Protein backbone atom coordinates (compact mmCIF):
# COMPACT_ATOMS: atom_id res chain seq x y z
CA MET A 1 -34.45 -19.92 -4.21
CA ARG A 2 -32.47 -16.69 -4.43
CA GLU A 3 -29.80 -16.08 -7.04
CA ALA A 4 -26.31 -14.96 -6.13
CA VAL A 5 -25.58 -11.56 -7.57
CA SER A 6 -22.08 -10.28 -8.22
CA LEU A 7 -21.72 -6.56 -7.77
CA PRO A 8 -19.33 -4.27 -9.58
CA GLU A 9 -16.41 -2.95 -7.55
CA THR A 10 -17.77 0.58 -7.74
CA VAL A 11 -20.82 -0.30 -5.65
CA ARG A 12 -19.92 1.02 -2.23
CA TYR A 13 -23.11 0.35 -0.30
CA PHE A 14 -26.74 -0.50 -0.77
CA LYS A 15 -29.96 0.72 0.72
CA ALA A 16 -32.98 -1.47 1.34
CA ILE A 17 -36.44 0.07 1.30
CA CYS A 18 -39.09 -2.20 2.72
CA SER A 19 -42.77 -1.45 2.44
CA THR A 20 -43.76 -4.72 4.07
CA ARG A 21 -41.79 -7.51 5.68
CA SER A 22 -41.98 -9.66 2.56
CA SER A 23 -41.49 -6.92 -0.03
CA CYS A 24 -38.16 -5.09 -0.11
CA GLU A 25 -36.59 -3.07 -2.85
CA VAL A 26 -32.82 -2.85 -2.85
CA ILE A 27 -31.20 0.24 -4.32
CA LEU A 28 -27.52 -0.01 -5.18
CA VAL A 29 -25.56 3.18 -4.94
CA ALA A 30 -22.53 3.32 -7.23
CA VAL A 31 -19.62 5.44 -6.12
CA ASN A 32 -16.60 6.12 -8.28
CA SER A 33 -13.99 5.59 -5.61
CA VAL A 34 -10.23 5.45 -5.92
CA PRO A 35 -8.61 2.37 -4.34
CA VAL A 36 -6.81 3.17 -1.09
CA TRP A 37 -3.42 2.00 -2.42
CA GLU A 38 -3.64 4.62 -5.20
CA LYS A 39 -4.60 7.58 -2.99
CA ALA A 40 -1.95 10.14 -2.10
CA ASN A 41 -3.60 11.07 1.22
CA LEU A 42 -5.68 8.90 3.53
CA ASN A 43 -8.08 9.85 6.30
CA LEU A 44 -7.55 8.20 9.69
CA GLU A 45 -10.01 5.36 9.04
CA GLU A 46 -8.45 4.50 5.68
CA ALA A 47 -4.92 4.71 7.08
CA ALA A 48 -5.82 2.49 10.04
CA ALA A 49 -7.25 -0.17 7.73
CA TYR A 50 -4.43 0.09 5.19
CA PHE A 51 -1.50 0.04 7.65
CA GLY A 52 -3.07 -2.09 10.39
CA ILE A 53 -2.52 0.59 13.04
CA GLY A 54 -5.24 1.80 15.39
CA ILE A 55 -6.91 5.15 14.87
CA ASN A 56 -5.95 6.35 18.35
CA LYS A 57 -2.29 5.48 17.74
CA LEU A 58 -2.37 7.34 14.41
CA ARG A 59 -3.99 10.32 16.11
CA ASP A 60 -1.26 10.33 18.80
CA MET A 61 1.51 10.08 16.18
CA THR A 62 0.11 12.94 14.11
CA ASN A 63 -0.51 15.32 17.04
CA GLU A 64 3.19 16.17 17.19
CA ASN A 65 4.32 19.51 15.78
CA ASN A 66 6.11 19.27 12.43
CA CYS A 67 4.91 15.71 11.82
CA PRO A 68 6.33 14.87 8.36
CA PHE A 69 3.43 12.67 7.23
CA VAL A 70 0.34 14.63 8.29
CA LEU A 71 -1.53 17.11 6.13
CA TRP A 72 -4.13 19.34 7.75
CA ASN A 73 -7.13 20.46 5.71
CA GLY A 74 -8.79 22.76 8.23
CA ASN A 75 -9.58 20.44 11.14
CA LYS A 76 -9.40 17.34 8.98
CA ARG A 77 -6.25 15.26 9.43
CA LEU A 78 -4.91 13.39 6.39
CA ILE A 79 -2.01 10.94 6.32
CA LYS A 80 0.45 11.30 3.44
CA ARG A 81 0.55 7.65 2.36
CA ARG A 82 4.01 7.54 0.75
CA ALA A 83 5.67 9.61 3.49
CA PHE A 84 4.10 7.38 6.16
CA GLU A 85 5.24 4.25 4.32
CA ARG A 86 8.83 5.61 4.30
CA PHE A 87 8.50 6.47 8.01
CA LEU A 88 7.34 2.93 8.82
CA ASP A 89 10.09 1.37 6.68
CA SER A 90 12.73 3.20 8.70
CA SER A 91 11.11 2.55 12.11
CA TYR A 92 11.77 -0.34 14.46
CA SER A 93 8.66 0.22 16.59
CA ILE A 94 5.86 2.74 16.91
């Protein structure tokens, strides 16, 4: 019988290395990550999960010139979380 193991919140993912079908070694990879609700800027995947809006819709909204809640880091598009929250609070529909 296998024991249930509780993992710390910092464990982001695990990797299983199997030499045979019956023998597997699981390696836990700890990542010091900041919770999404404390981040100032979110990537599209994080913003989609946090706000419940599709990635394609976020991409369309941030393609506009002078978008007040997008921050470009080279080709990487980041959503300014607080500015986007204010935008959503004042919007009727998107």
